[in-house]
N, C-alpha and C. Protein backbone atom coordinates (compact mmCIF):
# COMPACT_ATOMS: atom_id res chain seq x y z
N MET A 1 0.85 -1.19 0.00
CA MET A 1 0.00 0.00 0.00
C MET A 1 0.89 1.25 0.00
N PRO A 2 0.67 2.16 -0.94
CA PRO A 2 1.50 3.36 -1.01
C PRO A 2 1.30 4.25 0.24
N ASP A 3 2.37 4.91 0.62
CA ASP A 3 2.34 5.82 1.76
C ASP A 3 2.02 7.22 1.22
N PHE A 4 0.74 7.59 1.23
CA PHE A 4 0.35 8.87 0.63
C PHE A 4 0.89 10.05 1.43
N ILE A 5 1.12 9.89 2.72
CA ILE A 5 1.69 11.00 3.51
C ILE A 5 3.14 11.24 3.08
N ALA A 6 3.90 10.17 2.88
CA ALA A 6 5.27 10.33 2.39
C ALA A 6 5.27 11.00 1.01
N GLN A 7 4.31 10.63 0.16
CA GLN A 7 4.21 11.25 -1.16
C GLN A 7 3.98 12.75 -1.03
N ILE A 8 3.11 13.15 -0.11
CA ILE A 8 2.85 14.58 0.12
C ILE A 8 4.14 15.27 0.57
N LEU A 9 4.80 14.70 1.57
CA LEU A 9 6.00 15.32 2.14
C LEU A 9 7.13 15.42 1.13
N GLU A 10 7.20 14.49 0.20
CA GLU A 10 8.26 14.51 -0.81
C GLU A 10 7.92 15.40 -2.00
N GLN A 11 6.66 15.44 -2.37
CA GLN A 11 6.27 16.16 -3.59
C GLN A 11 6.08 17.65 -3.38
N TYR A 12 5.55 18.04 -2.23
CA TYR A 12 5.20 19.45 -2.01
C TYR A 12 6.09 20.06 -0.94
N LYS A 13 6.66 21.21 -1.24
CA LYS A 13 7.60 21.84 -0.32
C LYS A 13 7.15 23.23 0.15
N THR A 14 5.95 23.65 -0.25
CA THR A 14 5.43 24.94 0.20
C THR A 14 4.21 24.71 1.08
N LEU A 15 4.30 25.20 2.32
CA LEU A 15 3.24 25.01 3.30
C LEU A 15 2.64 26.37 3.68
N ALA A 16 1.37 26.57 3.39
CA ALA A 16 0.66 27.75 3.89
C ALA A 16 0.05 27.33 5.22
N VAL A 17 0.54 27.90 6.31
CA VAL A 17 0.14 27.47 7.64
C VAL A 17 -0.89 28.45 8.20
N VAL A 18 -2.15 28.00 8.21
CA VAL A 18 -3.25 28.84 8.67
C VAL A 18 -3.34 28.74 10.19
N GLY A 19 -3.20 29.90 10.83
CA GLY A 19 -3.20 29.95 12.29
C GLY A 19 -1.80 29.97 12.88
N LEU A 20 -0.79 30.20 12.05
CA LEU A 20 0.59 30.23 12.53
C LEU A 20 0.79 31.44 13.44
N SER A 21 1.28 31.17 14.64
CA SER A 21 1.49 32.20 15.66
C SER A 21 2.97 32.52 15.79
N SER A 22 3.28 33.76 16.14
CA SER A 22 4.66 34.16 16.40
C SER A 22 5.09 33.77 17.81
N LYS A 23 4.16 33.28 18.62
CA LYS A 23 4.49 32.89 20.00
C LYS A 23 5.19 31.53 19.99
N PRO A 24 6.44 31.47 20.46
CA PRO A 24 7.20 30.22 20.42
C PRO A 24 6.56 29.08 21.22
N THR A 25 5.69 29.39 22.15
CA THR A 25 5.05 28.34 22.96
C THR A 25 3.89 27.67 22.23
N ARG A 26 3.46 28.21 21.13
CA ARG A 26 2.34 27.64 20.38
C ARG A 26 2.81 26.50 19.49
N ALA A 27 1.98 25.47 19.39
CA ALA A 27 2.33 24.32 18.55
C ALA A 27 2.56 24.74 17.10
N SER A 28 1.75 25.65 16.61
CA SER A 28 1.89 26.08 15.21
C SER A 28 3.28 26.64 14.95
N HIS A 29 3.83 27.35 15.91
CA HIS A 29 5.15 27.96 15.76
C HIS A 29 6.24 26.88 15.75
N GLY A 30 6.21 25.99 16.72
CA GLY A 30 7.22 24.94 16.80
C GLY A 30 7.20 24.00 15.61
N VAL A 31 6.01 23.61 15.21
CA VAL A 31 5.88 22.71 14.06
C VAL A 31 6.39 23.40 12.79
N SER A 32 6.00 24.64 12.58
CA SER A 32 6.41 25.37 11.37
C SER A 32 7.91 25.63 11.36
N GLU A 33 8.45 25.96 12.51
CA GLU A 33 9.90 26.18 12.61
C GLU A 33 10.67 24.91 12.25
N TYR A 34 10.19 23.79 12.73
CA TYR A 34 10.80 22.49 12.43
C TYR A 34 10.73 22.20 10.93
N MET A 35 9.56 22.37 10.35
CA MET A 35 9.41 22.08 8.92
C MET A 35 10.27 23.02 8.08
N GLN A 36 10.35 24.27 8.49
CA GLN A 36 11.20 25.25 7.80
C GLN A 36 12.67 24.81 7.87
N ALA A 37 13.10 24.34 9.03
CA ALA A 37 14.48 23.89 9.22
C ALA A 37 14.79 22.64 8.39
N HIS A 38 13.74 21.94 7.97
CA HIS A 38 13.93 20.74 7.16
C HIS A 38 13.61 20.99 5.68
N GLY A 39 13.73 22.24 5.26
CA GLY A 39 13.68 22.55 3.84
C GLY A 39 12.35 22.98 3.26
N TYR A 40 11.34 23.13 4.09
CA TYR A 40 10.02 23.53 3.59
C TYR A 40 9.88 25.05 3.62
N ARG A 41 9.22 25.58 2.65
CA ARG A 41 8.87 27.00 2.62
C ARG A 41 7.59 27.15 3.41
N VAL A 42 7.61 27.99 4.43
CA VAL A 42 6.45 28.21 5.29
C VAL A 42 5.89 29.60 5.01
N ILE A 43 4.60 29.63 4.68
CA ILE A 43 3.91 30.89 4.46
C ILE A 43 2.91 31.08 5.60
N PRO A 44 3.15 32.03 6.50
CA PRO A 44 2.22 32.25 7.61
C PRO A 44 0.91 32.88 7.13
N VAL A 45 -0.21 32.33 7.61
CA VAL A 45 -1.53 32.89 7.31
C VAL A 45 -2.21 33.14 8.64
N ASN A 46 -2.25 34.41 9.03
CA ASN A 46 -2.86 34.80 10.30
C ASN A 46 -3.07 36.31 10.27
N PRO A 47 -4.32 36.78 10.38
CA PRO A 47 -4.58 38.22 10.31
C PRO A 47 -4.00 39.01 11.49
N ARG A 48 -3.58 38.32 12.54
CA ARG A 48 -3.02 39.00 13.72
C ARG A 48 -1.50 39.12 13.68
N GLU A 49 -0.89 38.62 12.63
CA GLU A 49 0.57 38.62 12.53
C GLU A 49 1.01 39.39 11.29
N SER A 50 2.19 40.01 11.37
CA SER A 50 2.76 40.67 10.19
C SER A 50 3.95 39.87 9.65
N GLU A 51 4.63 39.16 10.55
CA GLU A 51 5.77 38.33 10.15
C GLU A 51 5.94 37.21 11.19
N VAL A 52 6.22 36.02 10.70
CA VAL A 52 6.50 34.89 11.58
C VAL A 52 7.63 34.07 10.95
N LEU A 53 8.59 33.71 11.77
CA LEU A 53 9.73 32.89 11.32
C LEU A 53 10.45 33.52 10.13
N GLY A 54 10.52 34.84 10.12
CA GLY A 54 11.21 35.54 9.05
C GLY A 54 10.45 35.64 7.75
N GLU A 55 9.19 35.24 7.76
CA GLU A 55 8.35 35.27 6.56
C GLU A 55 7.20 36.24 6.75
N LYS A 56 6.87 36.97 5.70
CA LYS A 56 5.71 37.87 5.73
C LYS A 56 4.45 37.05 5.96
N ALA A 57 3.62 37.51 6.87
CA ALA A 57 2.34 36.83 7.16
C ALA A 57 1.23 37.49 6.33
N TYR A 58 0.24 36.69 5.98
CA TYR A 58 -0.90 37.15 5.20
C TYR A 58 -2.17 36.95 6.00
N PRO A 59 -3.15 37.84 5.83
CA PRO A 59 -4.38 37.75 6.63
C PRO A 59 -5.29 36.60 6.25
N SER A 60 -5.12 36.06 5.03
CA SER A 60 -5.98 34.97 4.56
C SER A 60 -5.27 34.23 3.44
N LEU A 61 -5.77 33.05 3.10
CA LEU A 61 -5.20 32.31 1.97
C LEU A 61 -5.34 33.11 0.68
N GLY A 62 -6.45 33.80 0.54
CA GLY A 62 -6.69 34.58 -0.66
C GLY A 62 -5.69 35.70 -0.86
N ALA A 63 -5.06 36.16 0.21
CA ALA A 63 -4.09 37.25 0.13
C ALA A 63 -2.67 36.77 -0.20
N VAL A 64 -2.43 35.49 -0.15
CA VAL A 64 -1.10 34.96 -0.44
C VAL A 64 -0.84 35.10 -1.94
N PRO A 65 0.22 35.83 -2.32
CA PRO A 65 0.45 36.11 -3.74
C PRO A 65 1.09 34.98 -4.53
N GLU A 66 1.53 33.94 -3.87
CA GLU A 66 2.21 32.86 -4.59
C GLU A 66 1.41 31.57 -4.56
N ASN A 67 1.92 30.58 -5.26
CA ASN A 67 1.25 29.29 -5.34
C ASN A 67 1.17 28.64 -3.96
N VAL A 68 0.04 28.05 -3.67
CA VAL A 68 -0.18 27.37 -2.40
C VAL A 68 -0.34 25.88 -2.70
N GLU A 69 0.56 25.06 -2.14
CA GLU A 69 0.50 23.62 -2.38
C GLU A 69 -0.23 22.90 -1.24
N VAL A 70 0.32 23.02 -0.04
CA VAL A 70 -0.25 22.35 1.13
C VAL A 70 -0.77 23.40 2.09
N VAL A 71 -2.03 23.26 2.50
CA VAL A 71 -2.62 24.16 3.49
C VAL A 71 -2.67 23.39 4.80
N VAL A 72 -1.84 23.82 5.74
CA VAL A 72 -1.76 23.19 7.06
C VAL A 72 -2.64 24.02 8.00
N ILE A 73 -3.60 23.36 8.64
CA ILE A 73 -4.61 24.07 9.43
C ILE A 73 -4.38 23.89 10.92
N PHE A 74 -4.10 25.00 11.59
CA PHE A 74 -4.00 25.07 13.04
C PHE A 74 -5.15 25.94 13.56
N ARG A 75 -6.34 25.59 13.21
CA ARG A 75 -7.53 26.31 13.67
C ARG A 75 -8.53 25.30 14.17
N ARG A 76 -9.48 25.77 14.98
CA ARG A 76 -10.52 24.88 15.49
C ARG A 76 -11.38 24.37 14.32
N PRO A 77 -11.97 23.18 14.49
CA PRO A 77 -12.74 22.56 13.41
C PRO A 77 -13.84 23.44 12.81
N GLU A 78 -14.46 24.31 13.60
CA GLU A 78 -15.54 25.13 13.05
C GLU A 78 -15.05 26.11 11.98
N PHE A 79 -13.74 26.37 11.93
CA PHE A 79 -13.19 27.28 10.93
C PHE A 79 -12.72 26.55 9.67
N VAL A 80 -12.69 25.24 9.72
CA VAL A 80 -12.14 24.45 8.62
C VAL A 80 -12.91 24.61 7.30
N PRO A 81 -14.26 24.60 7.29
CA PRO A 81 -14.94 24.71 5.99
C PRO A 81 -14.56 25.95 5.19
N GLU A 82 -14.46 27.10 5.83
CA GLU A 82 -14.10 28.31 5.07
C GLU A 82 -12.65 28.25 4.58
N ILE A 83 -11.78 27.61 5.35
CA ILE A 83 -10.38 27.46 4.92
C ILE A 83 -10.31 26.51 3.73
N VAL A 84 -11.07 25.43 3.78
CA VAL A 84 -11.10 24.48 2.66
C VAL A 84 -11.61 25.16 1.39
N GLU A 85 -12.66 25.94 1.51
CA GLU A 85 -13.18 26.65 0.32
C GLU A 85 -12.13 27.58 -0.27
N ALA A 86 -11.40 28.29 0.60
CA ALA A 86 -10.34 29.18 0.13
C ALA A 86 -9.22 28.38 -0.53
N ALA A 87 -8.90 27.23 0.03
CA ALA A 87 -7.85 26.38 -0.54
C ALA A 87 -8.25 25.87 -1.92
N ILE A 88 -9.51 25.51 -2.06
CA ILE A 88 -10.02 25.05 -3.36
C ILE A 88 -9.90 26.18 -4.38
N ARG A 89 -10.33 27.38 -4.00
CA ARG A 89 -10.24 28.53 -4.91
C ARG A 89 -8.80 28.82 -5.31
N ARG A 90 -7.85 28.60 -4.41
CA ARG A 90 -6.44 28.88 -4.66
C ARG A 90 -5.76 27.79 -5.46
N GLY A 91 -6.40 26.66 -5.65
CA GLY A 91 -5.79 25.57 -6.39
C GLY A 91 -4.79 24.77 -5.57
N ALA A 92 -4.98 24.75 -4.25
CA ALA A 92 -4.11 23.97 -3.38
C ALA A 92 -4.22 22.49 -3.75
N LYS A 93 -3.22 21.73 -3.39
CA LYS A 93 -3.18 20.29 -3.69
C LYS A 93 -3.56 19.45 -2.48
N VAL A 94 -3.27 19.97 -1.26
CA VAL A 94 -3.44 19.18 -0.04
C VAL A 94 -4.03 20.04 1.07
N ILE A 95 -4.97 19.46 1.80
CA ILE A 95 -5.45 20.02 3.07
C ILE A 95 -4.89 19.14 4.16
N TRP A 96 -4.16 19.75 5.09
CA TRP A 96 -3.58 19.01 6.21
C TRP A 96 -4.12 19.60 7.50
N MET A 97 -4.98 18.85 8.18
CA MET A 97 -5.52 19.28 9.46
C MET A 97 -4.67 18.67 10.57
N GLN A 98 -4.12 19.53 11.40
CA GLN A 98 -3.23 19.09 12.47
C GLN A 98 -3.96 18.23 13.50
N GLU A 99 -3.21 17.67 14.43
CA GLU A 99 -3.79 16.82 15.48
C GLU A 99 -4.94 17.54 16.17
N GLY A 100 -6.03 16.81 16.35
CA GLY A 100 -7.20 17.37 17.02
C GLY A 100 -8.13 18.12 16.10
N VAL A 101 -7.74 18.28 14.84
CA VAL A 101 -8.57 19.01 13.88
C VAL A 101 -9.18 18.00 12.91
N ILE A 102 -10.50 17.85 13.02
CA ILE A 102 -11.25 16.92 12.17
C ILE A 102 -12.53 17.60 11.73
N HIS A 103 -12.82 17.53 10.45
CA HIS A 103 -14.09 18.05 9.93
C HIS A 103 -14.43 17.21 8.70
N GLU A 104 -15.27 16.19 8.91
CA GLU A 104 -15.57 15.23 7.84
C GLU A 104 -16.24 15.88 6.63
N ASP A 105 -17.18 16.79 6.84
CA ASP A 105 -17.86 17.43 5.71
C ASP A 105 -16.89 18.25 4.87
N ALA A 106 -16.02 19.01 5.53
CA ALA A 106 -15.04 19.82 4.80
C ALA A 106 -14.04 18.91 4.09
N ALA A 107 -13.66 17.81 4.72
CA ALA A 107 -12.74 16.86 4.09
C ALA A 107 -13.37 16.27 2.83
N ALA A 108 -14.64 15.91 2.92
CA ALA A 108 -15.35 15.36 1.76
C ALA A 108 -15.42 16.40 0.64
N ARG A 109 -15.67 17.64 0.99
CA ARG A 109 -15.73 18.73 0.00
C ARG A 109 -14.37 18.88 -0.69
N ALA A 110 -13.30 18.84 0.10
CA ALA A 110 -11.95 18.98 -0.47
C ALA A 110 -11.64 17.81 -1.40
N ARG A 111 -11.96 16.60 -0.97
CA ARG A 111 -11.71 15.43 -1.81
C ARG A 111 -12.50 15.51 -3.12
N ALA A 112 -13.74 15.95 -3.02
CA ALA A 112 -14.58 16.08 -4.21
C ALA A 112 -13.99 17.09 -5.20
N ALA A 113 -13.25 18.06 -4.67
CA ALA A 113 -12.61 19.07 -5.53
C ALA A 113 -11.23 18.62 -6.00
N GLY A 114 -10.83 17.40 -5.63
CA GLY A 114 -9.58 16.85 -6.11
C GLY A 114 -8.38 17.02 -5.20
N LEU A 115 -8.58 17.52 -3.98
CA LEU A 115 -7.48 17.69 -3.05
C LEU A 115 -7.26 16.42 -2.24
N THR A 116 -6.04 16.20 -1.85
CA THR A 116 -5.71 15.14 -0.91
C THR A 116 -5.94 15.70 0.49
N VAL A 117 -6.46 14.87 1.39
CA VAL A 117 -6.79 15.35 2.74
C VAL A 117 -6.13 14.47 3.80
N VAL A 118 -5.53 15.14 4.78
CA VAL A 118 -5.00 14.48 5.98
C VAL A 118 -5.70 15.15 7.15
N GLN A 119 -6.26 14.33 8.04
CA GLN A 119 -6.93 14.86 9.23
C GLN A 119 -6.29 14.29 10.49
N ASP A 120 -6.24 15.13 11.53
CA ASP A 120 -5.84 14.68 12.87
C ASP A 120 -4.45 14.05 12.90
N HIS A 121 -3.51 14.61 12.13
CA HIS A 121 -2.12 14.16 12.13
C HIS A 121 -1.20 15.38 12.18
N CYS A 122 -0.13 15.27 12.94
CA CYS A 122 0.86 16.33 13.03
C CYS A 122 1.88 16.17 11.90
N ILE A 123 2.05 17.20 11.11
CA ILE A 123 2.98 17.12 9.98
C ILE A 123 4.42 16.92 10.46
N LEU A 124 4.79 17.52 11.59
CA LEU A 124 6.12 17.33 12.15
C LEU A 124 6.33 15.87 12.53
N LYS A 125 5.39 15.29 13.25
CA LYS A 125 5.52 13.89 13.68
C LYS A 125 5.56 12.95 12.48
N GLU A 126 4.76 13.24 11.47
CA GLU A 126 4.75 12.38 10.28
C GLU A 126 6.07 12.49 9.53
N TYR A 127 6.61 13.69 9.45
CA TYR A 127 7.92 13.87 8.81
C TYR A 127 9.00 13.13 9.60
N ALA A 128 9.04 13.36 10.90
CA ALA A 128 10.07 12.75 11.75
C ALA A 128 10.00 11.24 11.71
N LYS A 129 8.79 10.70 11.73
CA LYS A 129 8.59 9.25 11.72
C LYS A 129 9.20 8.62 10.45
N ARG A 130 9.11 9.34 9.34
CA ARG A 130 9.55 8.78 8.06
C ARG A 130 11.01 9.09 7.74
N TYR A 131 11.52 10.25 8.17
CA TYR A 131 12.81 10.69 7.68
C TYR A 131 13.89 10.84 8.75
N VAL A 132 13.53 11.27 9.93
CA VAL A 132 14.54 11.48 10.96
C VAL A 132 15.08 10.15 11.44
N ALA A 133 14.22 9.16 11.59
CA ALA A 133 14.64 7.84 12.03
C ALA A 133 15.60 7.22 11.01
N GLU A 134 15.44 7.61 9.74
CA GLU A 134 16.30 7.07 8.69
C GLU A 134 17.60 7.88 8.54
N GLY A 135 17.70 8.96 9.30
CA GLY A 135 18.88 9.79 9.22
C GLY A 135 18.88 10.79 8.08
N ILE A 136 17.71 11.03 7.52
CA ILE A 136 17.61 11.99 6.41
C ILE A 136 17.51 13.39 6.97
């Protein structure tokens, strides 16, 4: 059985992180910092931030001027449907809902639009599980 999470991590290197905080104690910050250190381009999406991890922050997915591949969601489940709709409009390839974030209807909508969906998984843990143990 193919490992679709590994395929995502290998194929796409640009992560638009919705809910990325500049506060180092927040999970979104630590996870994004880790992914950035491992070669991923992190685009912060948070209307309360102007810059995070040395990158300009955008108030919404729609405001991001460049291509969006993976939309990593660090928001409560009730906000997921509007984020998924924005990701579909932007032509994103993947919706990644972090641990504790599950929204079946929004996931179904994303899949119907051709996006790959990951729910309730930490992108850092999935990366580390596949690559750090191997010494990559």
